[in-house]
């Protein structure tokens, strides 16, 4: 619901949500929102006209202001094996396009990991066209004008580096654009600088709520890593033993034994903070970031209730879109709809560099 809640903060209402993860569905319903659970492939096979979404929302085809969503993205993630469309999850963009085709919203917003932008339509054929080019072509066949780009949530007021590929489409030929950043690495106004991790979670240090646990082996080594460090901060004689087989592998391996820094934004939140290669250790205490700290970094409302076990809560938050980025996208849609887009684009282009 990160994308949904951010849109609501922008001034839109969310008529209905859909998710495959049963705990996501339970969370949505627990917080008073309408949700349809199940596999979108099965739902569309049974009802290709999307009555399972339109009827509960009390809407008809062509009446929907926007369809927003993020087809599962693990198969395109640069942190994974990048099986792309060869992974069953990698073809679900087709169902998103089918929903857009059936509902015919005025706008759509599709978000995904930035790895999709560099993926091939056929990973086994190095000469195949880019997948993104294929996806955009399908939207254009439906008559949608699109704009796309990779946006980083840190530039929109989130205390987290989180790059997402965003595609925005317009049914009626309106000039859509991407939201201009609101926060910057360097700016004379402190309120417009990147948010630090401390600004988001500093007050939760000793009262963090539900939290996963590191293994004794992880704890042993993390106790030797200073704030802002990682495996390279370990004593040289311990590094090989700590890293195991990964010691000889390539890449920066920055996530191994990583202790975060209060003075900087958080790295991208993953679905579990205790995996060896993507550790998210608290800056001052040898423990993972807690569920409440995840929620704060993603900027969910304080009253938001999560359903499921601790691992389910981490997964829901780690898969979510940060609310400030979603809010910026919602404001963009409203700006275009109100005819303010041209004014905003001119102002943004004329803004001095910082």
Protein backbone atom coordinates (compact mmCIF):
# COMPACT_ATOMS: atom_id res chain seq x y z
CA UNK A 1 0.00 0.00 0.00
CA UNK A 2 2.98 2.39 -0.12
CA UNK A 3 2.09 3.47 -3.63
CA UNK A 4 -1.60 3.72 -2.68
CA UNK A 5 -1.03 5.71 0.53
CA UNK A 6 1.31 8.14 -1.20
CA UNK A 7 -1.33 8.75 -3.86
CA UNK A 8 -3.84 9.40 -1.10
CA UNK A 9 -1.49 11.92 0.51
CA UNK A 10 -1.41 13.69 -2.87
CA UNK A 11 -5.20 14.04 -2.78
CA UNK A 12 -6.44 10.96 -4.64
CA UNK A 13 -8.71 8.24 -3.25
CA UNK A 14 -7.95 4.54 -3.70
CA UNK A 15 -11.10 2.69 -4.72
CA UNK A 16 -9.74 -0.87 -4.60
CA UNK A 17 -6.38 -2.65 -4.26
CA UNK A 18 -5.28 -6.10 -5.41
CA UNK A 19 -2.45 -8.33 -4.19
CA UNK A 20 -1.35 -11.96 -4.28
CA UNK A 21 0.35 -11.94 -0.86
CA UNK A 22 -2.30 -12.94 1.66
CA UNK A 23 -0.65 -10.90 4.44
CA UNK A 24 -0.64 -7.79 2.25
CA UNK A 25 -4.36 -8.32 1.67
CA UNK A 26 -4.97 -8.79 5.39
CA UNK A 27 -2.98 -5.62 6.17
CA UNK A 28 -4.94 -3.60 3.62
CA UNK A 29 -8.26 -4.79 5.04
CA UNK A 30 -7.11 -4.33 8.65
CA UNK A 31 -6.54 -0.66 7.88
CA UNK A 32 -10.01 -0.16 6.43
CA UNK A 33 -9.32 -0.41 2.70
CA UNK A 34 -10.98 -2.57 0.05
CA UNK A 35 -8.75 -5.36 -1.27
CA UNK A 36 -9.11 -8.21 -3.76
CA UNK A 37 -6.79 -11.14 -3.08
CA UNK A 38 -5.53 -13.81 -5.44
CA UNK A 39 -3.29 -14.49 -8.43
CA UNK A 40 -3.91 -11.77 -11.01
CA UNK A 41 -3.36 -14.30 -13.80
CA UNK A 42 -6.20 -16.49 -12.55
CA UNK A 43 -8.45 -13.50 -11.86
CA UNK A 44 -7.99 -12.15 -15.39
CA UNK A 45 -8.39 -15.57 -16.98
CA UNK A 46 -11.79 -15.86 -15.29
CA UNK A 47 -12.81 -12.21 -15.79
CA UNK A 48 -10.78 -10.47 -18.53
CA UNK A 49 -13.00 -7.38 -18.35
CA UNK A 50 -11.80 -6.72 -14.77
CA UNK A 51 -15.20 -6.82 -13.16
CA UNK A 52 -13.46 -8.21 -10.07
CA UNK A 53 -11.91 -4.74 -9.65
CA UNK A 54 -14.52 -2.44 -11.17
CA UNK A 55 -17.61 -3.84 -9.45
CA UNK A 56 -16.32 -3.63 -5.85
CA UNK A 57 -15.17 -0.08 -6.59
CA UNK A 58 -18.52 0.89 -8.09
CA UNK A 59 -16.88 2.04 -11.33
CA UNK A 60 -17.20 1.33 -15.04
CA UNK A 61 -14.69 1.06 -17.85
CA UNK A 62 -13.28 4.47 -18.73
CA UNK A 63 -14.29 6.07 -15.39
CA UNK A 64 -11.10 5.24 -13.50
CA UNK A 65 -8.71 8.14 -13.06
CA UNK A 66 -5.60 6.00 -12.73
CA UNK A 67 -4.38 2.43 -12.48
CA UNK A 68 -1.20 2.22 -10.42
CA UNK A 69 0.91 -0.79 -9.60
CA UNK A 70 4.19 -2.63 -9.55
CA UNK A 71 4.30 -6.08 -11.17
CA UNK A 72 6.59 -8.37 -9.13
CA UNK A 73 10.15 -7.30 -9.80
CA UNK A 74 12.50 -9.85 -8.24
CA UNK A 75 13.29 -11.43 -11.59
CA UNK A 76 14.71 -8.13 -12.87
CA UNK A 77 16.50 -7.05 -9.69
CA UNK A 78 20.22 -6.41 -10.01
CA UNK A 79 20.55 -8.01 -6.57
CA UNK A 80 19.18 -11.34 -7.82
CA UNK A 81 19.79 -13.81 -10.64
CA UNK A 82 18.00 -11.58 -13.16
CA UNK A 83 16.07 -14.35 -14.90
CA UNK A 84 13.73 -11.72 -16.34
CA UNK A 85 10.85 -13.05 -18.40
CA UNK A 86 12.20 -16.59 -17.92
CA UNK A 87 10.97 -16.29 -14.33
CA UNK A 88 7.17 -16.59 -13.98
CA UNK A 89 7.19 -13.33 -12.01
CA UNK A 90 8.96 -11.60 -14.89
CA UNK A 91 5.99 -11.80 -17.26
CA UNK A 92 3.40 -10.22 -14.97
CA UNK A 93 3.85 -6.85 -16.66
CA UNK A 94 1.55 -8.39 -19.29
CA UNK A 95 -1.25 -8.64 -16.73
CA UNK A 96 -0.70 -5.01 -15.75
CA UNK A 97 -1.05 -4.03 -19.42
CA UNK A 98 -4.16 -6.22 -19.70
CA UNK A 99 -5.74 -4.42 -16.73
CA UNK A 100 -4.99 -1.05 -18.32
CA UNK A 101 -6.49 -2.26 -21.60
CA UNK A 102 -9.65 -3.53 -19.91
CA UNK A 103 -10.23 -0.61 -17.55
CA UNK A 104 -9.01 2.21 -19.84
CA UNK A 105 -7.99 4.63 -17.06
CA UNK A 106 -7.12 8.23 -17.88
CA UNK A 107 -3.62 7.59 -16.51
CA UNK A 108 -1.49 4.71 -15.34
CA UNK A 109 1.68 4.50 -13.28
CA UNK A 110 3.79 1.34 -13.45
CA UNK A 111 6.81 1.08 -11.17
CA UNK A 112 9.52 -1.54 -11.10
CA UNK A 113 13.17 -2.07 -10.19
CA UNK A 114 15.62 -0.16 -12.36
CA UNK A 115 16.99 -3.50 -13.62
CA UNK A 116 14.00 -3.84 -15.91
CA UNK A 117 15.29 -0.87 -17.91
CA UNK A 118 18.42 -2.84 -18.87
CA UNK A 119 16.76 -6.24 -19.35
CA UNK A 120 16.35 -7.96 -22.69
CA UNK A 121 12.99 -9.18 -23.93
CA UNK A 122 14.64 -12.61 -24.34
CA UNK A 123 17.52 -13.12 -21.86
CA UNK A 124 18.75 -16.12 -23.87
CA UNK A 125 19.20 -13.96 -26.99
CA UNK A 126 21.70 -11.15 -26.58
CA UNK A 127 20.41 -9.58 -29.81
CA UNK A 128 16.80 -9.36 -28.63
CA UNK A 129 15.34 -5.85 -28.16
CA UNK A 130 15.19 -4.25 -24.70
CA UNK A 131 12.21 -5.40 -22.65
CA UNK A 132 11.29 -1.83 -21.73
CA UNK A 133 11.07 -0.93 -25.41
CA UNK A 134 8.67 -3.86 -25.89
CA UNK A 135 6.54 -2.80 -22.91
CA UNK A 136 6.32 0.80 -24.08
CA UNK A 137 5.32 -0.43 -27.52
CA UNK A 138 2.41 -2.37 -26.03
CA UNK A 139 1.20 0.70 -24.16
CA UNK A 140 1.47 2.78 -27.33
CA UNK A 141 -0.63 0.19 -29.19
CA UNK A 142 -3.33 0.86 -26.59
CA UNK A 143 -3.16 4.56 -27.44
CA UNK A 144 -1.27 5.75 -24.35
CA UNK A 145 1.34 8.48 -24.43
CA UNK A 146 4.14 7.56 -22.02
CA UNK A 147 7.15 8.95 -20.24
CA UNK A 148 9.60 6.88 -18.22
CA UNK A 149 12.73 7.18 -16.14
CA UNK A 150 14.57 5.95 -13.06
CA UNK A 151 13.66 7.96 -9.95
CA UNK A 152 15.45 7.76 -6.59
CA UNK A 153 13.22 8.09 -3.53
CA UNK A 154 15.96 9.98 -1.68
CA UNK A 155 15.31 12.92 -4.01
CA UNK A 156 11.68 13.13 -2.86
CA UNK A 157 12.14 13.30 0.90
CA UNK A 158 12.70 9.66 1.82
CA UNK A 159 15.62 8.81 4.13
CA UNK A 160 16.58 5.98 1.80
CA UNK A 161 18.36 5.46 -1.50
CA UNK A 162 15.82 3.53 -3.56
CA UNK A 163 15.88 3.72 -7.35
CA UNK A 164 12.73 2.71 -9.19
CA UNK A 165 11.86 2.62 -12.87
CA UNK A 166 8.62 4.54 -13.36
CA UNK A 167 6.42 4.56 -16.47
CA UNK A 168 3.59 7.12 -16.57
CA UNK A 169 0.95 6.92 -19.28
CA UNK A 170 -1.84 9.21 -20.52
CA UNK A 171 -4.88 7.92 -22.41
CA UNK A 172 -6.02 11.28 -23.74
CA UNK A 173 -2.76 12.51 -25.22
CA UNK A 174 -1.94 14.83 -22.34
CA UNK A 175 1.70 15.77 -21.89
CA UNK A 176 2.89 13.69 -18.94
CA UNK A 177 6.28 14.19 -17.30
CA UNK A 178 8.22 12.88 -14.34
CA UNK A 179 8.06 14.67 -10.98
CA UNK A 180 10.87 17.10 -10.32
CA UNK A 181 13.04 16.32 -7.25
CA UNK A 182 12.09 18.07 -4.03
CA UNK A 183 15.22 17.19 -2.01
CA UNK A 184 18.90 17.47 -2.90
CA UNK A 185 22.27 16.23 -1.69
CA UNK A 186 23.43 19.82 -1.31
CA UNK A 187 21.07 22.73 -0.76
CA UNK A 188 21.27 26.00 1.15
CA UNK A 189 17.91 25.25 2.79
CA UNK A 190 18.33 22.36 5.30
CA UNK A 191 14.69 21.36 4.82
CA UNK A 192 15.42 20.56 1.16
CA UNK A 193 18.49 18.40 1.75
CA UNK A 194 18.44 14.63 1.69
CA UNK A 195 16.95 13.23 4.89
CA UNK A 196 19.31 11.29 7.13
CA UNK A 197 18.59 7.96 8.76
CA UNK A 198 18.80 9.60 12.18
CA UNK A 199 16.05 12.06 11.27
CA UNK A 200 13.78 9.12 10.47
CA UNK A 201 14.50 6.63 13.26
CA UNK A 202 16.73 8.29 15.86
CA UNK A 203 14.02 8.27 18.53
CA UNK A 204 13.42 4.51 18.15
CA UNK A 205 16.92 3.47 19.18
CA UNK A 206 15.99 1.92 22.54
CA UNK A 207 12.29 1.25 21.89
CA UNK A 208 12.29 -0.30 18.44
CA UNK A 209 9.44 -2.81 18.69
CA UNK A 210 9.39 -6.18 16.88
CA UNK A 211 12.76 -7.03 15.38
CA UNK A 212 14.54 -9.94 13.69
CA UNK A 213 17.74 -11.36 15.13
CA UNK A 214 21.20 -11.81 13.73
CA UNK A 215 22.87 -15.21 13.95
CA UNK A 216 25.65 -15.45 16.56
CA UNK A 217 28.22 -15.47 13.75
CA UNK A 218 26.88 -12.24 12.23
CA UNK A 219 26.72 -10.64 15.66
CA UNK A 220 30.30 -11.60 16.42
CA UNK A 221 31.68 -9.78 13.40
CA UNK A 222 29.22 -6.85 13.35
CA UNK A 223 30.35 -6.01 16.87
CA UNK A 224 33.72 -5.11 15.33
CA UNK A 225 32.32 -2.89 12.55
CA UNK A 226 32.01 0.87 13.22
CA UNK A 227 29.05 3.02 12.20
CA UNK A 228 28.98 3.39 8.42
CA UNK A 229 31.36 0.45 7.87
CA UNK A 230 31.11 -3.04 6.41
CA UNK A 231 33.27 -6.15 6.02
CA UNK A 232 36.22 -4.06 4.88
CA UNK A 233 36.19 -2.44 8.32
CA UNK A 234 36.99 -5.77 9.98
CA UNK A 235 40.58 -6.47 11.08
CA UNK A 236 42.43 -7.78 7.98
CA UNK A 237 43.18 -11.12 9.60
CA UNK A 238 39.45 -11.80 10.12
CA UNK A 239 38.04 -10.77 6.75
CA UNK A 240 38.52 -14.04 4.89
CA UNK A 241 37.03 -16.13 7.68
CA UNK A 242 34.09 -13.74 8.00
CA UNK A 243 33.33 -13.67 4.28
CA UNK A 244 33.79 -17.35 3.50
CA UNK A 245 33.45 -18.14 -0.19
CA UNK A 246 32.36 -14.59 -0.99
CA UNK A 247 35.84 -13.32 -0.13
CA UNK A 248 37.19 -14.41 -3.52
CA UNK A 249 34.16 -13.29 -5.52
CA UNK A 250 33.97 -10.09 -7.53
CA UNK A 251 31.92 -6.98 -6.92
CA UNK A 252 31.99 -4.45 -4.11
CA UNK A 253 30.10 -6.68 -1.65
CA UNK A 254 29.16 -3.54 0.30
CA UNK A 255 26.20 -5.25 2.00
CA UNK A 256 28.29 -7.81 3.88
CA UNK A 257 28.51 -6.97 7.59
CA UNK A 258 27.09 -3.52 6.85
CA UNK A 259 26.42 -1.18 9.74
CA UNK A 260 24.39 1.85 8.70
CA UNK A 261 25.24 5.49 9.30
CA UNK A 262 22.93 7.92 11.07
CA UNK A 263 24.45 10.78 9.07
CA UNK A 264 23.33 9.47 5.66
CA UNK A 265 20.17 8.05 4.10
CA UNK A 266 19.61 4.32 4.45
CA UNK A 267 20.50 1.91 1.65
CA UNK A 268 17.53 0.34 -0.12
CA UNK A 269 15.42 -1.62 2.33
CA UNK A 270 15.29 -5.30 1.38
CA UNK A 271 12.68 -7.87 2.39
CA UNK A 272 14.89 -9.20 5.20
CA UNK A 273 17.57 -7.19 7.06
CA UNK A 274 19.48 -10.26 8.25
CA UNK A 275 20.69 -11.83 5.01
CA UNK A 276 24.48 -12.05 5.00
CA UNK A 277 25.00 -10.20 1.70
CA UNK A 278 22.47 -7.42 2.41
CA UNK A 279 22.74 -6.82 6.14
CA UNK A 280 21.00 -3.75 7.53
CA UNK A 281 22.53 -3.32 10.99
CA UNK A 282 21.51 -0.42 13.22
CA UNK A 283 24.17 2.33 13.38
CA UNK A 284 24.71 2.18 17.15
CA UNK A 285 23.32 -1.18 18.33
CA UNK A 286 24.20 -4.66 17.08
CA UNK A 287 20.72 -5.56 15.83
CA UNK A 288 18.89 -5.33 12.52
CA UNK A 289 16.64 -2.44 11.69
CA UNK A 290 13.29 -3.21 13.28
CA UNK A 291 9.86 -3.43 11.64
CA UNK A 292 8.97 -0.01 13.09
CA UNK A 293 12.18 1.47 11.70
CA UNK A 294 11.42 0.01 8.29
CA UNK A 295 7.98 1.61 8.47
CA UNK A 296 9.43 4.97 9.47
CA UNK A 297 11.99 4.95 6.66
CA UNK A 298 9.28 4.12 4.11
CA UNK A 299 7.19 6.82 5.85
CA UNK A 300 4.07 4.79 6.50
CA UNK A 301 1.61 6.46 8.88
CA UNK A 302 2.24 5.80 12.57
CA UNK A 303 -1.24 4.26 12.88
CA UNK A 304 -0.68 1.76 10.06
CA UNK A 305 -1.16 -1.80 11.29
CA UNK A 306 0.72 -4.72 9.74
CA UNK A 307 -0.62 -8.28 9.70
CA UNK A 308 1.46 -11.45 9.83
CA UNK A 309 4.62 -12.63 11.54
CA UNK A 310 7.71 -10.43 11.81
CA UNK A 311 9.11 -11.87 8.57
CA UNK A 312 5.83 -11.09 6.78
CA UNK A 313 5.94 -7.50 8.02
CA UNK A 314 9.51 -7.02 6.79
CA UNK A 315 8.54 -8.43 3.40
CA UNK A 316 5.56 -6.13 3.02
CA UNK A 317 7.56 -3.02 3.92
CA UNK A 318 10.62 -4.05 1.94
CA UNK A 319 8.52 -4.48 -1.21
CA UNK A 320 6.67 -1.17 -0.78
CA UNK A 321 7.17 2.10 -2.63
CA UNK A 322 8.22 4.91 -0.25
CA UNK A 323 5.27 7.20 0.36
CA UNK A 324 7.00 10.49 -0.58
CA UNK A 325 7.88 9.15 -4.05
CA UNK A 326 4.32 7.89 -4.53
CA UNK A 327 2.96 11.25 -3.34
CA UNK A 328 5.11 13.06 -5.92
CA UNK A 329 3.70 10.81 -8.63
CA UNK A 330 0.14 11.45 -7.44
CA UNK A 331 0.73 15.20 -7.45
CA UNK A 332 2.06 14.86 -10.98
CA UNK A 333 -1.13 13.16 -12.19
CA UNK A 334 -3.31 15.81 -10.57
CA UNK A 335 -1.14 18.56 -12.03
CA UNK A 336 -1.56 17.19 -15.55
CA UNK A 337 -5.30 16.66 -15.05
CA UNK A 338 -5.75 20.25 -13.86
CA UNK A 339 -3.79 21.65 -16.79
CA UNK A 340 -0.90 22.84 -14.62
CA UNK A 341 1.72 20.58 -16.20
CA UNK A 342 3.01 23.13 -18.72
CA UNK A 343 3.46 25.73 -15.99
CA UNK A 344 5.30 23.29 -13.75
CA UNK A 345 7.61 22.06 -16.51
CA UNK A 346 8.57 25.63 -17.42
CA UNK A 347 9.26 26.47 -13.78
CA UNK A 348 11.29 23.32 -13.21
CA UNK A 349 13.38 23.92 -16.31
CA UNK A 350 14.09 27.45 -15.17
CA UNK A 351 15.10 26.47 -11.65
CA UNK A 352 18.79 27.07 -10.92
CA UNK A 353 20.98 24.02 -10.40
CA UNK A 354 21.90 23.15 -6.82
